[in-house]
Amino acid sequence: MDAIFDFVKNFTRTRYEDIPGPAVEAAKKEVLDSLAASLGGSSQAGVGELVAMAKEWGGNEQSTIIAYGLRCPAPNAAQVNATMTHALDYDDGHPVAQVHIGCVAVPTCFAVAERMGGISGQEFITALALGADFLARLGLASRPGSNLVKSGWHPTALYGYLGAAAMAGRIMGLDQERMVNAIGIAYHQCAGNSQCVNDGALTKRMGPGLAAKGGITAALMAERGITGARNILEGEYGMFYQYHGGDYDAKVLTADLGKRFEGVNIGDKPYPCCGFSHPFIDAVLLLKSKHDIKADQVKSITAYGGESVYEICVVPPEVKRIPRNIVDAQFSLPWAIATAIVKGRVGGEDFTEEAIRREDVLRISGKVTGVLDKAMSRHGVGPGRVKIVMADGTEYTEEVEHCLGSVERPMTFADCAAKFRQCAAGSIKPLADNEVAMVIELIGRLEKLDDATEIIRLLG
Protein backbone atom coordinates (compact mmCIF):
# COMPACT_ATOMS: atom_id res chain seq x y z
CA MET A 1 0.00 0.00 0.00
CA ASP A 2 1.20 3.51 -0.83
CA ALA A 3 2.76 5.29 2.14
CA ILE A 4 0.43 8.24 1.61
CA PHE A 5 -2.31 6.30 3.40
CA ASP A 6 -0.12 6.05 6.52
CA PHE A 7 0.44 9.80 6.40
CA VAL A 8 -3.26 10.48 5.94
CA LYS A 9 -4.11 8.36 8.99
CA ASN A 10 -1.47 10.27 10.91
CA PHE A 11 -2.92 13.62 9.83
CA THR A 12 -6.51 12.73 10.64
CA ARG A 13 -6.05 10.75 13.87
CA THR A 14 -3.28 12.56 15.74
CA ARG A 15 -4.32 14.67 18.73
CA TYR A 16 -2.48 17.53 20.38
CA GLU A 17 -1.75 15.24 23.31
CA ASP A 18 0.18 12.95 20.96
CA ILE A 19 2.69 15.67 20.03
CA PRO A 20 5.88 15.43 22.15
CA GLY A 21 6.81 18.53 24.14
CA PRO A 22 9.94 19.32 22.08
CA ALA A 23 7.89 19.21 18.88
CA VAL A 24 5.36 21.63 20.39
CA GLU A 25 8.13 24.06 21.32
CA ALA A 26 9.69 23.65 17.86
CA ALA A 27 6.36 24.53 16.24
CA LYS A 28 6.06 27.70 18.31
CA LYS A 29 9.60 28.75 17.39
CA GLU A 30 8.77 28.00 13.76
CA VAL A 31 5.82 30.39 13.91
CA LEU A 32 7.93 33.16 15.44
CA ASP A 33 10.85 32.72 13.05
CA SER A 34 8.60 32.50 9.98
CA LEU A 35 6.63 35.61 10.88
CA ALA A 36 9.92 37.43 11.44
CA ALA A 37 11.02 36.49 7.93
CA SER A 38 7.59 37.53 6.60
CA LEU A 39 7.85 41.03 8.01
CA GLY A 40 11.41 41.37 6.76
CA GLY A 41 10.36 40.19 3.31
CA SER A 42 7.23 42.34 3.09
CA SER A 43 9.03 45.17 1.27
CA GLN A 44 11.03 42.95 -1.09
CA ALA A 45 10.73 42.82 -4.87
CA GLY A 46 7.78 40.81 -6.15
CA VAL A 47 5.71 41.00 -2.98
CA GLY A 48 4.03 44.32 -3.69
CA GLU A 49 3.19 43.11 -7.17
CA LEU A 50 1.44 40.05 -5.72
CA VAL A 51 -0.47 42.24 -3.26
CA ALA A 52 -1.68 44.36 -6.18
CA MET A 53 -2.84 41.21 -7.96
CA ALA A 54 -4.69 40.05 -4.85
CA LYS A 55 -6.46 43.41 -4.68
CA GLU A 56 -7.40 43.13 -8.34
CA TRP A 57 -8.79 39.62 -7.85
CA GLY A 58 -10.86 40.68 -4.83
CA GLY A 59 -13.11 37.98 -3.36
CA ASN A 60 -14.20 36.98 0.12
CA GLU A 61 -12.27 38.64 2.94
CA GLN A 62 -11.24 35.39 4.60
CA SER A 63 -7.56 35.71 5.48
CA THR A 64 -4.96 38.36 6.27
CA ILE A 65 -2.03 39.47 4.13
CA ILE A 66 0.72 40.35 6.58
CA ALA A 67 1.77 44.02 6.86
CA TYR A 68 -0.54 45.28 4.10
CA GLY A 69 -3.88 45.46 5.93
CA LEU A 70 -5.61 43.47 3.18
CA ARG A 71 -7.98 40.52 3.57
CA CYS A 72 -8.74 38.20 0.68
CA PRO A 73 -9.53 34.54 -0.11
CA ALA A 74 -7.38 32.11 1.86
CA PRO A 75 -5.37 30.70 -1.11
CA ASN A 76 -4.37 34.19 -2.24
CA ALA A 77 -3.40 35.37 1.24
CA ALA A 78 -1.27 32.26 1.74
CA GLN A 79 0.45 32.82 -1.60
CA VAL A 80 1.49 36.38 -0.75
CA ASN A 81 2.50 35.58 2.84
CA ALA A 82 4.54 32.53 1.83
CA THR A 83 6.33 34.55 -0.84
CA MET A 84 7.30 37.30 1.58
CA THR A 85 8.44 34.68 4.12
CA HIS A 86 10.88 33.24 1.58
CA ALA A 87 11.86 36.53 -0.09
CA LEU A 88 14.96 37.25 2.02
CA ASP A 89 16.00 33.59 2.21
CA TYR A 90 15.89 34.20 5.96
CA ASP A 91 13.39 31.43 6.71
CA ASP A 92 13.95 28.14 8.49
CA GLY A 93 14.62 24.77 6.92
CA HIS A 94 15.49 21.15 7.53
CA PRO A 95 19.24 21.02 6.75
CA VAL A 96 19.33 17.34 5.79
CA ALA A 97 16.01 17.16 3.95
CA GLN A 98 16.94 20.42 2.18
CA VAL A 99 13.40 21.69 2.49
CA HIS A 100 12.35 25.09 3.81
CA ILE A 101 9.45 24.31 6.11
CA GLY A 102 7.99 27.42 7.75
CA CYS A 103 7.57 29.44 4.55
CA VAL A 104 4.95 26.95 3.36
CA ALA A 105 3.57 25.65 6.65
CA VAL A 106 2.96 28.81 8.67
CA PRO A 107 1.20 30.87 5.95
CA THR A 108 -0.91 27.86 4.98
CA CYS A 109 -2.04 27.15 8.53
CA PHE A 110 -2.86 30.78 9.33
CA ALA A 111 -4.78 31.38 6.09
CA VAL A 112 -6.93 28.26 6.50
CA ALA A 113 -7.41 28.84 10.24
CA GLU A 114 -8.77 32.32 9.50
CA ARG A 115 -11.10 30.92 6.86
CA MET A 116 -12.44 28.31 9.26
CA GLY A 117 -12.56 30.45 12.42
CA GLY A 118 -12.24 29.25 16.00
CA ILE A 119 -9.08 27.16 15.47
CA SER A 120 -7.38 26.77 18.84
CA GLY A 121 -3.68 27.13 19.42
CA GLN A 122 -3.45 23.42 20.19
CA GLU A 123 -5.11 22.43 16.92
CA PHE A 124 -2.90 24.92 15.06
CA ILE A 125 0.25 23.43 16.60
CA THR A 126 -0.92 19.91 15.77
CA ALA A 127 -1.44 20.75 12.09
CA LEU A 128 1.89 22.55 11.95
CA ALA A 129 3.86 19.76 13.66
CA LEU A 130 2.33 17.14 11.38
CA GLY A 131 2.99 19.25 8.30
CA ALA A 132 6.62 19.96 9.21
CA ASP A 133 7.20 16.26 9.79
CA PHE A 134 5.59 15.31 6.47
CA LEU A 135 7.57 17.86 4.45
CA ALA A 136 10.86 16.87 6.07
CA ARG A 137 10.26 13.14 5.57
CA LEU A 138 9.58 13.66 1.86
CA GLY A 139 12.96 15.35 1.51
CA LEU A 140 14.80 12.86 3.71
CA ALA A 141 13.50 9.89 1.74
CA SER A 142 14.24 11.35 -1.70
CA ARG A 143 17.51 10.40 -3.41
CA PRO A 144 19.14 9.15 -0.20
CA GLY A 145 22.91 9.39 -0.25
CA SER A 146 22.92 11.47 -3.41
CA ASN A 147 22.62 15.17 -4.17
CA LEU A 148 18.95 16.18 -4.15
CA VAL A 149 19.84 19.71 -5.27
CA LYS A 150 21.56 18.45 -8.42
CA SER A 151 18.34 16.71 -9.44
CA GLY A 152 17.15 20.14 -10.58
CA TRP A 153 14.06 20.27 -8.40
CA HIS A 154 13.46 22.95 -5.78
CA PRO A 155 12.35 20.62 -2.97
CA THR A 156 10.55 23.31 -0.95
CA ALA A 157 8.13 24.07 -3.74
CA LEU A 158 7.89 20.51 -5.03
CA TYR A 159 6.92 18.95 -1.70
CA GLY A 160 5.21 22.12 -0.49
CA TYR A 161 2.10 21.42 -2.55
CA LEU A 162 1.55 18.09 -0.80
CA GLY A 163 2.35 19.48 2.65
CA ALA A 164 0.07 22.49 2.23
CA ALA A 165 -2.83 20.31 1.11
CA ALA A 166 -2.40 18.00 4.10
CA MET A 167 -2.15 20.85 6.65
CA ALA A 168 -5.12 22.64 5.11
CA GLY A 169 -7.09 19.40 5.15
CA ARG A 170 -6.28 18.83 8.81
CA ILE A 171 -7.45 22.29 9.85
CA MET A 172 -10.55 21.96 7.67
CA GLY A 173 -11.37 18.63 9.32
CA LEU A 174 -11.35 16.56 6.13
CA ASP A 175 -11.94 12.84 6.59
CA GLN A 176 -9.41 10.32 5.28
CA GLU A 177 -11.06 9.93 1.88
CA ARG A 178 -11.14 13.65 1.21
CA MET A 179 -7.64 14.08 2.63
CA VAL A 180 -6.26 11.55 0.12
CA ASN A 181 -8.08 13.41 -2.65
CA ALA A 182 -6.70 16.75 -1.47
CA ILE A 183 -3.11 15.51 -1.55
CA GLY A 184 -3.76 13.79 -4.89
CA ILE A 185 -5.07 17.05 -6.39
CA ALA A 186 -2.03 18.84 -4.98
CA TYR A 187 0.25 16.25 -6.58
CA HIS A 188 -1.25 17.09 -9.97
CA GLN A 189 0.15 20.61 -9.52
CA CYS A 190 3.60 19.81 -8.04
CA ALA A 191 6.39 21.84 -9.59
CA GLY A 192 9.44 23.91 -8.72
CA ASN A 193 12.88 23.89 -10.33
CA SER A 194 16.33 25.30 -9.62
CA GLN A 195 16.76 27.16 -12.91
CA CYS A 196 15.43 30.25 -11.15
CA VAL A 197 18.54 30.21 -8.93
CA ASN A 198 20.86 29.88 -11.93
CA ASP A 199 19.14 32.79 -13.67
CA GLY A 200 18.71 34.98 -10.59
CA ALA A 201 14.94 35.07 -11.07
CA LEU A 202 12.33 36.24 -8.57
CA THR A 203 10.47 32.97 -9.09
CA LYS A 204 12.86 31.49 -6.50
CA ARG A 205 10.95 33.33 -3.77
CA MET A 206 7.59 32.66 -5.44
CA GLY A 207 7.76 28.86 -5.22
CA PRO A 208 6.54 28.46 -1.61
CA GLY A 209 3.64 30.82 -2.32
CA LEU A 210 2.53 28.87 -5.36
CA ALA A 211 2.75 25.67 -3.29
CA ALA A 212 0.71 27.11 -0.41
CA LYS A 213 -1.93 28.45 -2.76
CA GLY A 214 -2.07 25.19 -4.73
CA GLY A 215 -2.28 23.05 -1.61
CA ILE A 216 -5.11 25.05 -0.07
CA THR A 217 -6.96 25.08 -3.39
CA ALA A 218 -6.57 21.29 -3.57
CA ALA A 219 -8.10 20.89 -0.09
CA LEU A 220 -11.01 23.14 -1.03
CA MET A 221 -11.61 21.10 -4.17
CA ALA A 222 -11.51 17.85 -2.22
CA GLU A 223 -13.94 19.28 0.33
CA ARG A 224 -16.42 19.62 -2.53
CA GLY A 225 -15.96 16.03 -3.66
CA ILE A 226 -13.41 16.42 -6.46
CA THR A 227 -11.11 13.42 -6.61
CA GLY A 228 -7.36 13.15 -7.09
CA ALA A 229 -4.81 10.41 -7.65
CA ARG A 230 -4.55 7.96 -4.75
CA ASN A 231 -1.16 6.26 -4.99
CA ILE A 232 0.53 9.62 -4.78
CA LEU A 233 3.99 8.71 -3.54
CA GLU A 234 4.74 5.12 -4.57
CA GLY A 235 2.38 4.45 -7.47
CA GLU A 236 3.72 3.68 -10.94
CA TYR A 237 3.60 7.40 -11.69
CA GLY A 238 3.69 8.56 -8.08
CA MET A 239 6.06 11.27 -6.95
CA PHE A 240 9.06 9.10 -6.10
CA TYR A 241 8.97 7.43 -9.53
CA GLN A 242 7.76 10.27 -11.74
CA TYR A 243 10.03 12.90 -10.16
CA HIS A 244 12.92 10.87 -8.74
CA GLY A 245 13.16 7.78 -10.93
CA GLY A 246 12.39 5.45 -8.04
CA ASP A 247 15.41 6.69 -6.04
CA TYR A 248 13.96 6.85 -2.53
CA ASP A 249 14.04 5.05 0.80
CA ALA A 250 10.65 3.75 1.93
CA LYS A 251 11.95 2.98 5.43
CA VAL A 252 13.19 6.52 5.99
CA LEU A 253 9.86 7.84 4.76
CA THR A 254 7.71 6.34 7.51
CA ALA A 255 10.09 5.20 10.27
CA ASP A 256 8.54 5.95 13.70
CA LEU A 257 5.74 7.89 12.04
CA GLY A 258 3.56 9.49 14.71
CA LYS A 259 6.25 9.05 17.35
CA ARG A 260 9.22 11.00 15.99
CA PHE A 261 8.53 14.50 14.69
CA GLU A 262 11.14 15.96 12.36
CA GLY A 263 10.14 19.50 13.27
CA VAL A 264 12.63 19.30 16.13
CA ASN A 265 15.41 19.05 13.53
CA ILE A 266 14.57 22.27 11.72
CA GLY A 267 17.28 24.92 11.73
CA ASP A 268 16.84 28.70 11.86
CA LYS A 269 18.86 31.31 9.99
CA PRO A 270 20.90 34.10 11.55
CA TYR A 271 21.84 35.41 8.08
CA PRO A 272 19.44 36.21 5.18
CA CYS A 273 21.05 34.12 2.45
CA CYS A 274 21.46 30.54 1.28
CA GLY A 275 22.03 28.20 4.23
CA PHE A 276 24.93 26.45 2.47
CA SER A 277 26.97 29.64 2.92
CA HIS A 278 26.35 29.95 6.68
CA PRO A 279 29.27 27.80 7.91
CA PHE A 280 31.59 30.00 5.85
CA ILE A 281 30.15 33.20 7.28
CA ASP A 282 30.64 31.80 10.78
CA ALA A 283 34.23 30.87 9.90
CA VAL A 284 35.03 34.36 8.58
CA LEU A 285 33.47 36.07 11.61
CA LEU A 286 35.53 33.81 13.88
CA LEU A 287 38.71 34.70 12.02
CA LYS A 288 37.94 38.42 12.20
CA SER A 289 37.31 38.13 15.91
CA LYS A 290 40.53 36.19 16.54
CA HIS A 291 42.90 38.10 14.28
CA ASP A 292 41.34 41.54 13.70
CA ILE A 293 41.50 41.03 9.94
CA LYS A 294 41.26 44.23 7.89
CA ALA A 295 39.69 44.00 4.46
CA ASP A 296 42.32 46.19 2.78
CA GLN A 297 45.06 43.80 3.95
CA VAL A 298 43.51 40.67 2.42
CA LYS A 299 45.38 39.20 -0.55
CA SER A 300 43.26 36.11 -1.31
CA ILE A 301 40.54 33.90 0.13
CA THR A 302 39.91 30.23 -0.55
CA ALA A 303 36.65 28.56 0.45
CA TYR A 304 36.56 24.75 0.63
CA GLY A 305 33.18 23.00 0.60
CA GLY A 306 31.19 20.01 -0.58
CA GLU A 307 29.20 19.45 -3.74
CA SER A 308 26.00 21.25 -2.76
CA VAL A 309 27.63 24.50 -1.71
CA TYR A 310 29.94 24.38 -4.72
CA GLU A 311 27.12 23.82 -7.22
CA ILE A 312 24.81 26.45 -5.73
CA CYS A 313 27.04 29.14 -4.26
CA VAL A 314 30.33 29.00 -6.19
CA VAL A 315 29.63 28.39 -9.89
CA PRO A 316 29.62 30.16 -12.23
CA PRO A 317 32.38 32.23 -10.57
CA GLU A 318 31.84 35.31 -12.72
CA VAL A 319 28.25 35.60 -11.47
CA LYS A 320 29.00 34.69 -7.88
CA ARG A 321 31.85 37.22 -7.57
CA ILE A 322 29.86 40.02 -9.22
CA PRO A 323 26.16 39.38 -8.54
CA ARG A 324 23.81 40.59 -11.25
CA ASN A 325 20.90 41.00 -8.86
CA ILE A 326 19.70 40.30 -5.32
CA VAL A 327 18.93 36.62 -5.97
CA ASP A 328 22.47 36.10 -7.27
CA ALA A 329 23.82 37.70 -4.08
CA GLN A 330 21.65 35.50 -1.86
CA PHE A 331 23.24 32.43 -3.48
CA SER A 332 26.80 33.73 -3.73
CA LEU A 333 29.47 32.40 -1.39
CA PRO A 334 32.02 35.04 -2.48
CA TRP A 335 29.51 37.80 -1.73
CA ALA A 336 28.64 36.39 1.70
CA ILE A 337 32.31 35.96 2.64
CA ALA A 338 33.26 39.40 1.36
CA THR A 339 30.40 41.05 3.24
CA ALA A 340 31.45 39.34 6.47
CA ILE A 341 35.06 40.47 6.01
CA VAL A 342 34.23 44.09 5.12
CA LYS A 343 31.40 44.68 7.58
CA GLY A 344 31.93 42.12 10.32
CA ARG A 345 28.31 41.03 10.00
CA VAL A 346 25.78 39.90 7.37
CA GLY A 347 22.24 41.29 7.43
CA GLY A 348 19.24 42.12 5.29
CA GLU A 349 20.76 45.45 4.28
CA ASP A 350 23.48 43.56 2.41
CA PHE A 351 21.07 42.08 -0.11
CA THR A 352 19.62 45.11 -1.86
CA GLU A 353 20.19 46.58 -5.32
CA GLU A 354 22.33 49.28 -3.74
CA ALA A 355 24.35 46.91 -1.56
CA ILE A 356 25.40 44.58 -4.36
CA ARG A 357 27.14 47.51 -6.09
CA ARG A 358 29.35 48.30 -3.09
CA GLU A 359 32.89 48.54 -4.46
CA ASP A 360 34.58 47.66 -1.16
CA VAL A 361 32.67 44.36 -0.97
CA LEU A 362 33.13 43.63 -4.69
CA ARG A 363 36.89 44.09 -4.37
CA ILE A 364 36.96 41.32 -1.77
CA SER A 365 34.44 39.02 -3.49
CA GLY A 366 36.72 39.10 -6.54
CA LYS A 367 39.48 37.60 -4.39
CA VAL A 368 37.41 34.58 -3.32
CA THR A 369 38.08 31.21 -4.97
CA GLY A 370 35.88 28.21 -4.30
CA VAL A 371 37.39 24.72 -4.13
CA LEU A 372 35.36 21.53 -4.25
CA ASP A 373 36.31 19.07 -1.51
CA LYS A 374 34.15 15.98 -1.94
CA ALA A 375 35.11 14.79 1.53
CA MET A 376 33.08 17.73 2.85
CA SER A 377 29.93 16.75 0.92
CA ARG A 378 26.88 15.95 3.00
CA HIS A 379 23.26 15.00 2.30
CA GLY A 380 22.29 18.50 3.36
CA VAL A 381 24.23 21.47 4.70
CA GLY A 382 27.86 20.52 5.20
CA PRO A 383 30.90 22.13 6.81
CA GLY A 384 32.77 25.14 5.49
CA ARG A 385 36.49 25.93 5.58
CA VAL A 386 37.99 29.33 4.82
CA LYS A 387 41.67 30.20 4.28
CA ILE A 388 42.60 33.88 4.22
CA VAL A 389 46.03 34.95 2.96
CA MET A 390 47.10 38.44 4.02
CA ALA A 391 49.27 40.87 2.04
CA ASP A 392 52.26 40.08 4.27
CA GLY A 393 51.91 36.34 3.56
CA THR A 394 50.28 35.41 6.87
CA GLU A 395 47.64 32.68 6.51
CA TYR A 396 44.57 32.13 8.68
CA THR A 397 42.30 29.08 8.40
CA GLU A 398 39.03 28.21 10.13
CA GLU A 399 36.59 25.34 9.60
CA VAL A 400 33.03 25.23 10.91
CA GLU A 401 31.24 21.90 10.96
CA HIS A 402 27.94 23.10 12.43
CA CYS A 403 26.85 26.67 11.77
CA LEU A 404 24.86 28.90 14.09
CA GLY A 405 21.17 28.04 13.73
CA SER A 406 21.84 24.36 13.03
CA VAL A 407 20.35 21.57 15.12
CA GLU A 408 23.71 21.18 16.84
CA ARG A 409 24.00 24.93 17.55
CA PRO A 410 20.35 26.00 17.66
CA MET A 411 18.90 29.46 17.86
CA THR A 412 16.62 29.74 20.89
CA PHE A 413 13.12 31.16 21.11
CA ALA A 414 14.76 34.31 22.54
CA ASP A 415 17.11 34.47 19.54
CA CYS A 416 14.14 34.24 17.20
CA ALA A 417 12.37 36.95 19.21
CA ALA A 418 15.37 39.23 18.66
CA LYS A 419 15.23 38.40 14.94
CA PHE A 420 11.50 39.19 14.97
CA ARG A 421 12.13 42.63 16.50
CA GLN A 422 14.79 43.38 13.91
CA CYS A 423 12.59 42.27 10.99
CA ALA A 424 9.51 44.07 12.35
CA ALA A 425 11.47 47.33 12.24
CA GLY A 426 12.15 46.73 8.54
CA SER A 427 8.57 45.82 7.62
CA ILE A 428 6.85 47.80 4.89
CA LYS A 429 4.60 48.96 7.74
CA PRO A 430 6.76 48.87 10.91
CA LEU A 431 5.08 47.60 14.07
CA ALA A 432 4.97 49.56 17.31
CA ASP A 433 7.04 48.14 20.17
CA ASN A 434 3.95 47.11 22.12
CA GLU A 435 2.58 45.24 19.09
CA VAL A 436 5.87 43.42 18.64
CA ALA A 437 5.90 42.44 22.31
CA MET A 438 2.30 41.24 22.13
CA VAL A 439 2.94 39.00 19.11
CA ILE A 440 5.97 37.41 20.76
CA GLU A 441 4.01 36.88 23.98
CA LEU A 442 1.04 35.29 22.19
CA ILE A 443 3.27 32.89 20.25
CA GLY A 444 5.02 31.94 23.48
CA ARG A 445 1.72 30.68 24.87
CA LEU A 446 0.18 29.58 21.58
CA GLU A 447 -1.07 26.29 23.02
CA LYS A 448 -3.25 28.23 25.46
CA LEU A 449 -5.00 30.40 22.85
CA ASP A 450 -8.64 29.74 22.01
CA ASP A 451 -8.10 31.33 18.60
CA ALA A 452 -4.63 31.07 17.04
CA THR A 453 -5.43 33.75 14.47
CA GLU A 454 -5.20 36.47 17.13
CA ILE A 455 -1.53 36.50 16.14
CA ILE A 456 -1.93 36.99 12.40
CA ARG A 457 -4.54 39.71 12.82
CA LEU A 458 -2.08 41.77 14.85
CA LEU A 459 0.27 41.69 11.87
CA GLY A 460 -2.35 42.72 9.32
Foldseek 3Di string as FASTA:
>chain_A
DFCVLVLLCLLQPDFLVLDDPLLLQLLLLQLLLLVLQLQLLCPPPPLVVLVVVQVVVAADQQADQFQPRGGGQLLSSLLSSLLSSPQLQQAWFQQQLLAGQSSQQNSLLLSLLSNVDQQALSLSSSLSLSLQQLLSLVSCFAQHPDAPQVLFFNSHLQCSLLSSLSSSCSSVNPHSQLSLFLSQQSNVVGGGGDVCLVVVHSVVSSRSSVSNSNSNVSSVVSVVPDGGDRSQDPPCCHCRCVSRVVNTDPCSNCPCNSNDGCSLQMFGGPARADPLLQLVLVFLLVCCVVPVDALVFFDAKEKEAADVLCVFAPPPPVCLLQPPALSSPRRHNLLSNLCCRHPVDHYSVCRHPVNSPDPSSSVRSVRYHYDHDNVQDDSGRAKMKMWIATNVGDIDIDIDGAGQRGSVNRDHSVNSLVSSQVSLCNGPNRDDPVLSVVLSVCSVPSNPGSRNNVNSVSRD
